[in-house]
Each structure stands twice: as structure tokens, then as C-alpha cells.
């Protein structure tokens, strides 16, 4: 059985089951559930190391898991340009500190029949860093893992996954993994200088437009904002997830939280993080 092995070092997330569980439990302590009876479809999650954005990712997964336990969790990753085809993780399972995660191999053939896909090479963080969360919150679910390009192809991808889920009779949630503005010398982009005013601009201007698109379930708008404003490194991922969620009935969005790495570790270089849940 082909197994996708862990590639990221322990600085990204803990190396042991007990370490992962302890951090996850601390991340979701005191989180209020969504209203009883609400139907969930997934959401947008960040993908930095757990020290910076783990709390927000865990809470988005947690809120969904309290409402439903689907047969399949689809997570779209990113870090792809607009001309790339989607990249499909093609192994049978993925290694995590919490145990192996079974992958949704039943989707591979029908999804590949609908659009061009290429195998996803190991090493990217946009999906891997969230795999222990999925194993913890959805212990009986299979995972479909695909990286989505930052183009309209992402919208077609999300719709295709939703259709395959329907055809197979599988319940499914859609998650899009994306960080927001990467600002400062580490990223070669600082149009507003440095200091408190730059942080304020990122929060209140640059990330705002992208988040507003996600909260409207506007995939094309999210991609356009990222392309114009450099407000996301992986806009194709939430765009694909929104397309899939909307096809199955998502109509609303709820902001779980937004903050930046500057709020955790101040510096000239920082990244924005947004967490959103999509509901009916």
C-alpha cells in the first residue's frame, strides 16, 4: 500500500501523538459551537506552522466536526501558479503522528476522467500541516487531497469533486488551505514601509478584500483579489473549496477569526491568517 510519509520537520507540528493532542485540545478550549442544526460544508483554513496559525485551523475543523462527520474530507492546497494543472495526492494513505489517514482512492479515477490532473510531489506544507487536525477531528473519514492552481481551473476542480462525491453517494466537506498577505523583507514585498501603519494596512485594506470575497463565497473574486493585491499565497485552494461547497448547497459564511503572525511574533515580516466556516 503506497504511503505518503511525513515530510515537514517538527517545527511545523509536533512529532508525537500526545504532543499533537495536547496542542489541539488547547487550541479549541472554550470554543462555542455553531447553532444546533446548522448544516456545514467546510471552510478556509491557514497552513503556517502550528505555533502561528494552528489555533485558527483547529477551530475551523472543530466547528465543522461538531456539526457532522462526513465519509470524505476534501482538502485543497495551493502554492501553484495559474497555469499549473491540479496536483492530486495519489497514495493510499498519509502518515501522521496520530496514525495513518486513509485517502479517498475511489475518487481518483472518476476525478481524473473529468479534468487533467498530475501527481502531487511530497514536501509542500499547504496540505500536510493540516493532516493531523483532520485525523483528530474526523477519525473515520477518508481524505481527498488536491492542490489547486490560482486560476479558474480551481473552480472547475471544486465542482468536479462535488459531482464525483454525488455520483459515488459520499458525504463530503470541503476545506481550502490558504494564508493571506505575506509582507516584509522575507517576502520581498513592503509597499507601505514598516511598523504599525504597515500592519494596519495589511489588516484593514489588503487582506480585507480577499476575506470579503471568501465570506461571500466568491471564488473568482478571491482569485482576482489575490492576483491584484498579493493578498493570498494559495487563493486557488479556497476558491476550489467554495465551488464544491456551493454546488452542494453552501450559501453563507462565518468568520471564525483573523489575525497575523505579527500579533504572535512582531517583526518587519509577517503573514495574515483567516479562518472561515461555510454553512447552508
C-alpha atoms as a PDB file:
ATOM      1  CA  UNK A   1       0.000   0.000   0.000  1.00  0.00           C
ATOM      2  CA  UNK A   2       1.651   3.286  -1.053  1.00  0.00           C
ATOM      3  CA  UNK A   3       2.036   5.530   1.999  1.00  0.00           C
ATOM      4  CA  UNK A   4       2.670   9.301   1.908  1.00  0.00           C
ATOM      5  CA  UNK A   5       5.250   9.881   4.637  1.00  0.00           C
ATOM      6  CA  UNK A   6       5.619  12.965   6.773  1.00  0.00           C
ATOM      7  CA  UNK A   7       7.984  15.470   5.155  1.00  0.00           C
ATOM      8  CA  UNK A   8       7.807  18.604   7.335  1.00  0.00           C
ATOM      9  CA  UNK A   9      10.101  18.856  10.374  1.00  0.00           C
ATOM     10  CA  UNK A  10       8.671  19.022  13.888  1.00  0.00           C
ATOM     11  CA  UNK A  11       8.875  22.804  13.936  1.00  0.00           C
ATOM     12  CA  UNK A  12       5.738  22.778  11.813  1.00  0.00           C
ATOM     13  CA  UNK A  13       3.704  20.490  14.088  1.00  0.00           C
ATOM     14  CA  UNK A  14       4.514  18.063  16.917  1.00  0.00           C
ATOM     15  CA  UNK A  15       6.148  14.742  16.217  1.00  0.00           C
ATOM     16  CA  UNK A  16       4.193  12.657  18.706  1.00  0.00           C
ATOM     17  CA  UNK A  17       0.549  11.717  19.197  1.00  0.00           C
ATOM     18  CA  UNK A  18       0.494  13.121  22.723  1.00  0.00           C
ATOM     19  CA  UNK A  19       2.085  16.374  21.567  1.00  0.00           C
ATOM     20  CA  UNK A  20      -0.464  16.832  18.788  1.00  0.00           C
ATOM     21  CA  UNK A  21      -3.429  16.022  21.026  1.00  0.00           C
ATOM     22  CA  UNK A  22      -2.257  18.367  23.778  1.00  0.00           C
ATOM     23  CA  UNK A  23      -1.880  21.278  21.366  1.00  0.00           C
ATOM     24  CA  UNK A  24      -5.171  20.569  19.615  1.00  0.00           C
ATOM     25  CA  UNK A  25      -7.050  20.460  22.903  1.00  0.00           C
ATOM     26  CA  UNK A  26      -5.527  23.778  23.942  1.00  0.00           C
ATOM     27  CA  UNK A  27      -6.407  25.327  20.564  1.00  0.00           C
ATOM     28  CA  UNK A  28     -10.133  24.534  20.825  1.00  0.00           C
ATOM     29  CA  UNK A  29     -10.652  25.073  24.551  1.00  0.00           C
ATOM     30  CA  UNK A  30     -13.680  27.289  25.160  1.00  0.00           C
ATOM     31  CA  UNK A  31     -14.799  27.441  21.522  1.00  0.00           C
ATOM     32  CA  UNK A  32     -18.561  27.866  21.281  1.00  0.00           C
ATOM     33  CA  UNK A  33     -20.285  25.520  18.813  1.00  0.00           C
ATOM     34  CA  UNK A  34     -22.298  26.670  15.857  1.00  0.00           C
ATOM     35  CA  UNK A  35     -26.084  26.878  16.368  1.00  0.00           C
ATOM     36  CA  UNK A  36     -27.766  23.493  16.707  1.00  0.00           C
ATOM     37  CA  UNK A  37     -28.930  22.014  13.428  1.00  0.00           C
ATOM     38  CA  UNK A  38     -26.761  24.178  11.177  1.00  0.00           C
ATOM     39  CA  UNK A  39     -25.503  22.397   8.065  1.00  0.00           C
ATOM     40  CA  UNK A  40     -21.802  22.842   7.377  1.00  0.00           C
ATOM     41  CA  UNK A  41     -19.826  22.464   4.159  1.00  0.00           C
ATOM     42  CA  UNK A  42     -16.229  23.100   5.268  1.00  0.00           C
ATOM     43  CA  UNK A  43     -14.265  26.333   5.217  1.00  0.00           C
ATOM     44  CA  UNK A  44     -10.976  28.158   4.743  1.00  0.00           C
ATOM     45  CA  UNK A  45      -8.011  27.285   6.945  1.00  0.00           C
ATOM     46  CA  UNK A  46      -4.446  28.649   7.236  1.00  0.00           C
ATOM     47  CA  UNK A  47      -1.355  26.493   6.763  1.00  0.00           C
ATOM     48  CA  UNK A  48       1.548  28.032   8.693  1.00  0.00           C
ATOM     49  CA  UNK A  49       3.286  26.174  11.492  1.00  0.00           C
ATOM     50  CA  UNK A  50       1.012  25.382  14.409  1.00  0.00           C
ATOM     51  CA  UNK A  51       2.733  27.965  16.632  1.00  0.00           C
ATOM     52  CA  UNK A  52       1.402  30.698  14.381  1.00  0.00           C
ATOM     53  CA  UNK A  53      -1.854  29.516  12.827  1.00  0.00           C
ATOM     54  CA  UNK A  54      -2.638  26.123  14.341  1.00  0.00           C
ATOM     55  CA  UNK A  55      -5.228  27.560  16.698  1.00  0.00           C
ATOM     56  CA  UNK A  56      -7.252  29.010  13.856  1.00  0.00           C
ATOM     57  CA  UNK A  57      -7.100  25.910  11.647  1.00  0.00           C
ATOM     58  CA  UNK A  58      -8.068  23.680  14.572  1.00  0.00           C
ATOM     59  CA  UNK A  59     -11.104  25.811  15.350  1.00  0.00           C
ATOM     60  CA  UNK A  60     -12.417  25.716  11.791  1.00  0.00           C
ATOM     61  CA  UNK A  61     -12.091  21.927  11.717  1.00  0.00           C
ATOM     62  CA  UNK A  62     -13.551  21.644  15.226  1.00  0.00           C
ATOM     63  CA  UNK A  63     -16.684  23.644  14.385  1.00  0.00           C
ATOM     64  CA  UNK A  64     -17.308  21.512  11.321  1.00  0.00           C
ATOM     65  CA  UNK A  65     -16.666  18.255  13.179  1.00  0.00           C
ATOM     66  CA  UNK A  66     -19.162  19.164  15.910  1.00  0.00           C
ATOM     67  CA  UNK A  67     -21.851  19.506  13.242  1.00  0.00           C
ATOM     68  CA  UNK A  68     -21.089  16.470  11.044  1.00  0.00           C
ATOM     69  CA  UNK A  69     -18.784  13.525  10.447  1.00  0.00           C
ATOM     70  CA  UNK A  70     -18.586  13.032   6.659  1.00  0.00           C
ATOM     71  CA  UNK A  71     -17.349   9.996   4.799  1.00  0.00           C
ATOM     72  CA  UNK A  72     -14.791  12.144   2.960  1.00  0.00           C
ATOM     73  CA  UNK A  73     -12.910  15.311   3.844  1.00  0.00           C
ATOM     74  CA  UNK A  74     -11.536  17.114   0.798  1.00  0.00           C
ATOM     75  CA  UNK A  75      -8.640  19.475   1.458  1.00  0.00           C
ATOM     76  CA  UNK A  76      -7.357  21.687  -1.317  1.00  0.00           C
ATOM     77  CA  UNK A  77      -3.804  23.002  -1.016  1.00  0.00           C
ATOM     78  CA  UNK A  78      -2.105  25.675  -3.051  1.00  0.00           C
ATOM     79  CA  UNK A  79       1.250  27.310  -3.820  1.00  0.00           C
ATOM     80  CA  UNK A  80       0.524  26.889  -7.542  1.00  0.00           C
ATOM     81  CA  UNK A  81       0.509  29.433 -10.339  1.00  0.00           C
ATOM     82  CA  UNK A  82      -2.415  29.934 -12.634  1.00  0.00           C
ATOM     83  CA  UNK A  83      -1.015  27.787 -15.439  1.00  0.00           C
ATOM     84  CA  UNK A  84      -0.475  24.653 -13.360  1.00  0.00           C
ATOM     85  CA  UNK A  85      -2.845  21.713 -13.528  1.00  0.00           C
ATOM     86  CA  UNK A  86      -4.298  20.492 -10.213  1.00  0.00           C
ATOM     87  CA  UNK A  87      -1.945  18.160  -8.344  1.00  0.00           C
ATOM     88  CA  UNK A  88      -3.553  15.053  -6.841  1.00  0.00           C
ATOM     89  CA  UNK A  89      -2.092  13.131  -3.907  1.00  0.00           C
ATOM     90  CA  UNK A  90      -2.247   9.586  -5.299  1.00  0.00           C
ATOM     91  CA  UNK A  91      -1.123   7.401  -2.386  1.00  0.00           C
ATOM     92  CA  UNK A  92      -3.470   5.109  -0.431  1.00  0.00           C
ATOM     93  CA  UNK A  93      -2.776   6.661   2.989  1.00  0.00           C
ATOM     94  CA  UNK A  94      -0.872   9.501   4.687  1.00  0.00           C
ATOM     95  CA  UNK A  95       1.324   9.184   7.763  1.00  0.00           C
ATOM     96  CA  UNK A  96       0.571  11.429  10.761  1.00  0.00           C
ATOM     97  CA  UNK A  97       1.623  11.317  14.433  1.00  0.00           C
ATOM     98  CA  UNK A  98      -1.969  10.261  15.201  1.00  0.00           C
ATOM     99  CA  UNK A  99      -1.856   7.312  12.846  1.00  0.00           C
ATOM    100  CA  UNK A 100      -2.293   6.793   9.145  1.00  0.00           C
ATOM    101  CA  UNK A 101      -5.039   8.711   7.333  1.00  0.00           C
ATOM    102  CA  UNK A 102      -6.814   6.680   4.633  1.00  0.00           C
ATOM    103  CA  UNK A 103      -7.025   8.538   1.339  1.00  0.00           C
ATOM    104  CA  UNK A 104     -10.145   8.545  -0.849  1.00  0.00           C
ATOM    105  CA  UNK A 105      -8.717   6.415  -3.664  1.00  0.00           C
ATOM    106  CA  UNK A 106     -12.227   5.782  -5.047  1.00  0.00           C
ATOM    107  CA  UNK A 107     -12.230   9.403  -6.264  1.00  0.00           C
ATOM    108  CA  UNK A 108      -9.006   9.195  -8.258  1.00  0.00           C
ATOM    109  CA  UNK A 109     -10.258   7.585 -11.474  1.00  0.00           C
ATOM    110  CA  UNK A 110     -13.581   9.454 -11.901  1.00  0.00           C
ATOM    111  CA  UNK A 111     -11.989  12.786 -10.999  1.00  0.00           C
ATOM    112  CA  UNK A 112      -9.140  12.227 -13.469  1.00  0.00           C
ATOM    113  CA  UNK A 113     -11.750  11.485 -16.132  1.00  0.00           C
ATOM    114  CA  UNK A 114     -13.283  14.927 -15.647  1.00  0.00           C
ATOM    115  CA  UNK A 115     -10.101  17.013 -15.859  1.00  0.00           C
ATOM    116  CA  UNK A 116      -6.332  16.860 -16.266  1.00  0.00           C
ATOM    117  CA  UNK A 117      -4.529  16.080 -13.020  1.00  0.00           C
ATOM    118  CA  UNK A 118      -0.887  15.418 -12.245  1.00  0.00           C
ATOM    119  CA  UNK A 119       0.609  13.597  -9.214  1.00  0.00           C
ATOM    120  CA  UNK A 120       1.447  15.836  -6.256  1.00  0.00           C
ATOM    121  CA  UNK A 121       5.110  15.601  -5.184  1.00  0.00           C
ATOM    122  CA  UNK A 122       5.724  15.428  -1.403  1.00  0.00           C
ATOM    123  CA  UNK A 123       7.097  18.346   0.581  1.00  0.00           C
ATOM    124  CA  UNK A 124       4.554  21.173   0.315  1.00  0.00           C
ATOM    125  CA  UNK A 125       3.080  22.411   3.602  1.00  0.00           C
ATOM    126  CA  UNK A 126      -0.362  23.572   2.476  1.00  0.00           C
ATOM    127  CA  UNK A 127      -1.952  20.155   2.987  1.00  0.00           C
ATOM    128  CA  UNK A 128       0.445  18.237   5.234  1.00  0.00           C
ATOM    129  CA  UNK A 129       0.378  20.682   8.132  1.00  0.00           C
ATOM    130  CA  UNK A 130      -3.390  20.159   8.438  1.00  0.00           C
ATOM    131  CA  UNK A 131      -3.460  16.362   8.166  1.00  0.00           C
ATOM    132  CA  UNK A 132      -3.156  15.701  11.925  1.00  0.00           C
ATOM    133  CA  UNK A 133      -6.125  18.016  12.513  1.00  0.00           C
ATOM    134  CA  UNK A 134      -8.221  16.054  10.032  1.00  0.00           C
ATOM    135  CA  UNK A 135      -7.196  12.746  11.618  1.00  0.00           C
ATOM    136  CA  UNK A 136      -8.117  14.073  15.062  1.00  0.00           C
ATOM    137  CA  UNK A 137     -11.433  15.730  14.244  1.00  0.00           C
ATOM    138  CA  UNK A 138     -12.632  13.298  11.554  1.00  0.00           C
ATOM    139  CA  UNK A 139     -11.169   9.949  12.685  1.00  0.00           C
ATOM    140  CA  UNK A 140     -13.423   7.804  10.471  1.00  0.00           C
ATOM    141  CA  UNK A 141     -13.230   9.914   7.312  1.00  0.00           C
ATOM    142  CA  UNK A 142     -11.196   9.329   4.200  1.00  0.00           C
ATOM    143  CA  UNK A 143      -9.234  12.264   2.802  1.00  0.00           C
ATOM    144  CA  UNK A 144      -9.082  13.609  -0.736  1.00  0.00           C
ATOM    145  CA  UNK A 145      -6.018  15.858  -1.054  1.00  0.00           C
ATOM    146  CA  UNK A 146      -5.500  18.070  -4.119  1.00  0.00           C
ATOM    147  CA  UNK A 147      -3.518  21.237  -4.736  1.00  0.00           C
ATOM    148  CA  UNK A 148      -5.458  23.794  -6.780  1.00  0.00           C
ATOM    149  CA  UNK A 149      -3.979  26.367  -9.176  1.00  0.00           C
ATOM    150  CA  UNK A 150      -4.671  30.073  -8.745  1.00  0.00           C
ATOM    151  CA  UNK A 151      -6.993  30.290 -11.752  1.00  0.00           C
ATOM    152  CA  UNK A 152     -10.495  29.437 -12.939  1.00  0.00           C
ATOM    153  CA  UNK A 153      -9.334  25.817 -13.108  1.00  0.00           C
ATOM    154  CA  UNK A 154      -9.749  25.778  -9.325  1.00  0.00           C
ATOM    155  CA  UNK A 155     -13.463  26.470  -9.727  1.00  0.00           C
ATOM    156  CA  UNK A 156     -13.827  23.594 -12.190  1.00  0.00           C
ATOM    157  CA  UNK A 157     -11.875  21.362  -9.823  1.00  0.00           C
ATOM    158  CA  UNK A 158     -14.128  22.086  -6.866  1.00  0.00           C
ATOM    159  CA  UNK A 159     -17.238  21.473  -8.927  1.00  0.00           C
ATOM    160  CA  UNK A 160     -15.815  18.227 -10.306  1.00  0.00           C
ATOM    161  CA  UNK A 161     -15.027  16.902  -6.820  1.00  0.00           C
ATOM    162  CA  UNK A 162     -18.558  17.731  -5.671  1.00  0.00           C
ATOM    163  CA  UNK A 163     -20.030  15.915  -8.669  1.00  0.00           C
ATOM    164  CA  UNK A 164     -17.884  12.832  -8.079  1.00  0.00           C
ATOM    165  CA  UNK A 165     -18.978  12.806  -4.428  1.00  0.00           C
ATOM    166  CA  UNK A 166     -22.595  12.911  -5.579  1.00  0.00           C
ATOM    167  CA  UNK A 167     -22.043  10.162  -8.133  1.00  0.00           C
ATOM    168  CA  UNK A 168     -20.398   7.947  -5.507  1.00  0.00           C
ATOM    169  CA  UNK A 169     -23.024   8.772  -2.881  1.00  0.00           C
ATOM    170  CA  UNK A 170     -20.397  10.115  -0.463  1.00  0.00           C
ATOM    171  CA  UNK A 171     -20.957  12.811   2.149  1.00  0.00           C
ATOM    172  CA  UNK A 172     -18.115  15.336   1.964  1.00  0.00           C
ATOM    173  CA  UNK A 173     -16.701  18.551   3.446  1.00  0.00           C
ATOM    174  CA  UNK A 174     -14.500  20.986   1.518  1.00  0.00           C
ATOM    175  CA  UNK A 175     -11.551  22.851   3.042  1.00  0.00           C
ATOM    176  CA  UNK A 176      -9.302  25.349   1.273  1.00  0.00           C
ATOM    177  CA  UNK A 177      -5.820  25.904   2.726  1.00  0.00           C
ATOM    178  CA  UNK A 178      -4.533  29.455   2.243  1.00  0.00           C
ATOM    179  CA  UNK A 179      -2.503  32.042   4.103  1.00  0.00           C
ATOM    180  CA  UNK A 180      -3.086  35.721   3.352  1.00  0.00           C
ATOM    181  CA  UNK A 181      -0.732  38.665   2.728  1.00  0.00           C
ATOM    182  CA  UNK A 182       2.984  37.857   3.020  1.00  0.00           C
ATOM    183  CA  UNK A 183       4.530  41.198   3.943  1.00  0.00           C
ATOM    184  CA  UNK A 184       8.065  42.402   4.572  1.00  0.00           C
ATOM    185  CA  UNK A 185      11.671  41.750   3.564  1.00  0.00           C
ATOM    186  CA  UNK A 186      11.358  37.974   3.954  1.00  0.00           C
ATOM    187  CA  UNK A 187       8.869  38.046   1.079  1.00  0.00           C
ATOM    188  CA  UNK A 188      10.324  40.907  -0.961  1.00  0.00           C
ATOM    189  CA  UNK A 189       7.161  42.994  -0.705  1.00  0.00           C
ATOM    190  CA  UNK A 190       6.631  46.012   1.566  1.00  0.00           C
ATOM    191  CA  UNK A 191       4.664  48.714  -0.309  1.00  0.00           C
ATOM    192  CA  UNK A 192       3.697  50.552   2.885  1.00  0.00           C
ATOM    193  CA  UNK A 193       7.044  50.520   4.676  1.00  0.00           C
ATOM    194  CA  UNK A 194       7.356  49.005   8.116  1.00  0.00           C
ATOM    195  CA  UNK A 195       5.858  49.280  11.570  1.00  0.00           C
ATOM    196  CA  UNK A 196       2.350  49.724  12.945  1.00  0.00           C
ATOM    197  CA  UNK A 197       0.986  51.528   9.879  1.00  0.00           C
ATOM    198  CA  UNK A 198       2.061  48.698   7.579  1.00  0.00           C
ATOM    199  CA  UNK A 199       0.414  46.126   9.832  1.00  0.00           C
ATOM    200  CA  UNK A 200      -2.771  48.185   9.928  1.00  0.00           C
ATOM    201  CA  UNK A 201      -2.792  48.459   6.135  1.00  0.00           C
ATOM    202  CA  UNK A 202      -2.431  44.712   5.697  1.00  0.00           C
ATOM    203  CA  UNK A 203      -5.255  44.035   8.158  1.00  0.00           C
ATOM    204  CA  UNK A 204      -7.702  46.743   7.165  1.00  0.00           C
ATOM    205  CA  UNK A 205      -7.046  47.056   3.436  1.00  0.00           C
ATOM    206  CA  UNK A 206      -5.069  44.314   1.721  1.00  0.00           C
ATOM    207  CA  UNK A 207      -6.415  41.240   3.482  1.00  0.00           C
ATOM    208  CA  UNK A 208      -9.893  42.723   3.815  1.00  0.00           C
ATOM    209  CA  UNK A 209     -10.798  42.472   0.134  1.00  0.00           C
ATOM    210  CA  UNK A 210      -9.728  38.845  -0.054  1.00  0.00           C
ATOM    211  CA  UNK A 211     -11.594  37.925   3.129  1.00  0.00           C
ATOM    212  CA  UNK A 212     -14.711  39.710   1.917  1.00  0.00           C
ATOM    213  CA  UNK A 213     -14.695  37.549  -1.220  1.00  0.00           C
ATOM    214  CA  UNK A 214     -14.343  34.375   0.845  1.00  0.00           C
ATOM    215  CA  UNK A 215     -17.163  35.471   3.133  1.00  0.00           C
ATOM    216  CA  UNK A 216     -19.350  35.966   0.046  1.00  0.00           C
ATOM    217  CA  UNK A 217     -18.353  32.530  -1.289  1.00  0.00           C
ATOM    218  CA  UNK A 218     -16.992  34.378  -4.303  1.00  0.00           C
ATOM    219  CA  UNK A 219     -14.241  32.175  -5.725  1.00  0.00           C
ATOM    220  CA  UNK A 220     -13.491  34.311  -8.790  1.00  0.00           C
ATOM    221  CA  UNK A 221     -13.373  37.405  -6.565  1.00  0.00           C
ATOM    222  CA  UNK A 222     -10.903  35.744  -4.192  1.00  0.00           C
ATOM    223  CA  UNK A 223      -8.610  34.773  -7.066  1.00  0.00           C
ATOM    224  CA  UNK A 224      -8.836  38.272  -8.563  1.00  0.00           C
ATOM    225  CA  UNK A 225      -8.022  39.901  -5.224  1.00  0.00           C
ATOM    226  CA  UNK A 226      -5.005  37.661  -4.689  1.00  0.00           C
ATOM    227  CA  UNK A 227      -3.705  38.265  -8.195  1.00  0.00           C
ATOM    228  CA  UNK A 228      -4.118  42.023  -7.900  1.00  0.00           C
ATOM    229  CA  UNK A 229      -3.177  42.606  -4.262  1.00  0.00           C
ATOM    230  CA  UNK A 230      -0.815  39.714  -3.411  1.00  0.00           C
ATOM    231  CA  UNK A 231      -3.278  39.034  -0.592  1.00  0.00           C
ATOM    232  CA  UNK A 232      -3.004  35.228  -0.627  1.00  0.00           C
ATOM    233  CA  UNK A 233      -0.348  32.681  -1.499  1.00  0.00           C
ATOM    234  CA  UNK A 234      -2.894  29.985  -2.373  1.00  0.00           C
ATOM    235  CA  UNK A 235      -6.151  31.575  -3.485  1.00  0.00           C
ATOM    236  CA  UNK A 236      -6.990  28.601  -5.694  1.00  0.00           C
ATOM    237  CA  UNK A 237      -7.498  26.395  -2.643  1.00  0.00           C
ATOM    238  CA  UNK A 238     -10.399  28.286  -1.005  1.00  0.00           C
ATOM    239  CA  UNK A 239     -11.774  29.053  -4.475  1.00  0.00           C
ATOM    240  CA  UNK A 240     -11.953  25.329  -5.253  1.00  0.00           C
ATOM    241  CA  UNK A 241     -13.423  24.564  -1.839  1.00  0.00           C
ATOM    242  CA  UNK A 242     -16.058  27.278  -2.239  1.00  0.00           C
ATOM    243  CA  UNK A 243     -17.021  25.956  -5.666  1.00  0.00           C
ATOM    244  CA  UNK A 244     -17.504  22.460  -4.283  1.00  0.00           C
ATOM    245  CA  UNK A 245     -19.366  23.673  -1.197  1.00  0.00           C
ATOM    246  CA  UNK A 246     -21.701  25.892  -3.234  1.00  0.00           C
ATOM    247  CA  UNK A 247     -22.510  23.042  -5.624  1.00  0.00           C
ATOM    248  CA  UNK A 248     -23.738  21.024  -2.646  1.00  0.00           C
ATOM    249  CA  UNK A 249     -25.692  23.859  -1.029  1.00  0.00           C
ATOM    250  CA  UNK A 250     -23.437  26.264   0.884  1.00  0.00           C
ATOM    251  CA  UNK A 251     -24.909  29.760   0.983  1.00  0.00           C
ATOM    252  CA  UNK A 252     -23.415  31.557   3.991  1.00  0.00           C
ATOM    253  CA  UNK A 253     -20.027  32.107   5.602  1.00  0.00           C
ATOM    254  CA  UNK A 254     -18.907  32.828   9.154  1.00  0.00           C
ATOM    255  CA  UNK A 255     -15.556  34.379  10.093  1.00  0.00           C
ATOM    256  CA  UNK A 256     -14.031  32.330  12.889  1.00  0.00           C
ATOM    257  CA  UNK A 257     -11.107  34.714  13.383  1.00  0.00           C
ATOM    258  CA  UNK A 258      -8.456  36.741  11.625  1.00  0.00           C
ATOM    259  CA  UNK A 259      -5.005  37.773  12.838  1.00  0.00           C
ATOM    260  CA  UNK A 260      -1.411  37.955  11.639  1.00  0.00           C
ATOM    261  CA  UNK A 261       1.863  36.413  12.707  1.00  0.00           C
ATOM    262  CA  UNK A 262       2.811  39.938  13.829  1.00  0.00           C
ATOM    263  CA  UNK A 263       0.273  39.555  16.638  1.00  0.00           C
ATOM    264  CA  UNK A 264       2.191  36.499  17.854  1.00  0.00           C
ATOM    265  CA  UNK A 265       5.763  37.500  16.998  1.00  0.00           C
ATOM    266  CA  UNK A 266       6.132  41.164  15.961  1.00  0.00           C
ATOM    267  CA  UNK A 267       8.589  41.877  13.176  1.00  0.00           C
ATOM    268  CA  UNK A 268       9.028  43.567   9.813  1.00  0.00           C
ATOM    269  CA  UNK A 269       7.969  40.346   8.057  1.00  0.00           C
ATOM    270  CA  UNK A 270       4.580  38.817   8.828  1.00  0.00           C
ATOM    271  CA  UNK A 271       1.698  36.840   7.325  1.00  0.00           C
ATOM    272  CA  UNK A 272      -2.084  37.115   7.619  1.00  0.00           C
ATOM    273  CA  UNK A 273      -4.348  34.215   8.632  1.00  0.00           C
ATOM    274  CA  UNK A 274      -8.105  33.890   8.162  1.00  0.00           C
ATOM    275  CA  UNK A 275     -10.467  31.128   9.256  1.00  0.00           C
ATOM    276  CA  UNK A 276     -13.959  30.772   7.774  1.00  0.00           C
ATOM    277  CA  UNK A 277     -16.781  28.207   8.029  1.00  0.00           C
ATOM    278  CA  UNK A 278     -19.315  27.794   5.213  1.00  0.00           C
ATOM    279  CA  UNK A 279     -22.896  26.827   6.081  1.00  0.00           C
ATOM    280  CA  UNK A 280     -26.282  26.402   4.413  1.00  0.00           C
END
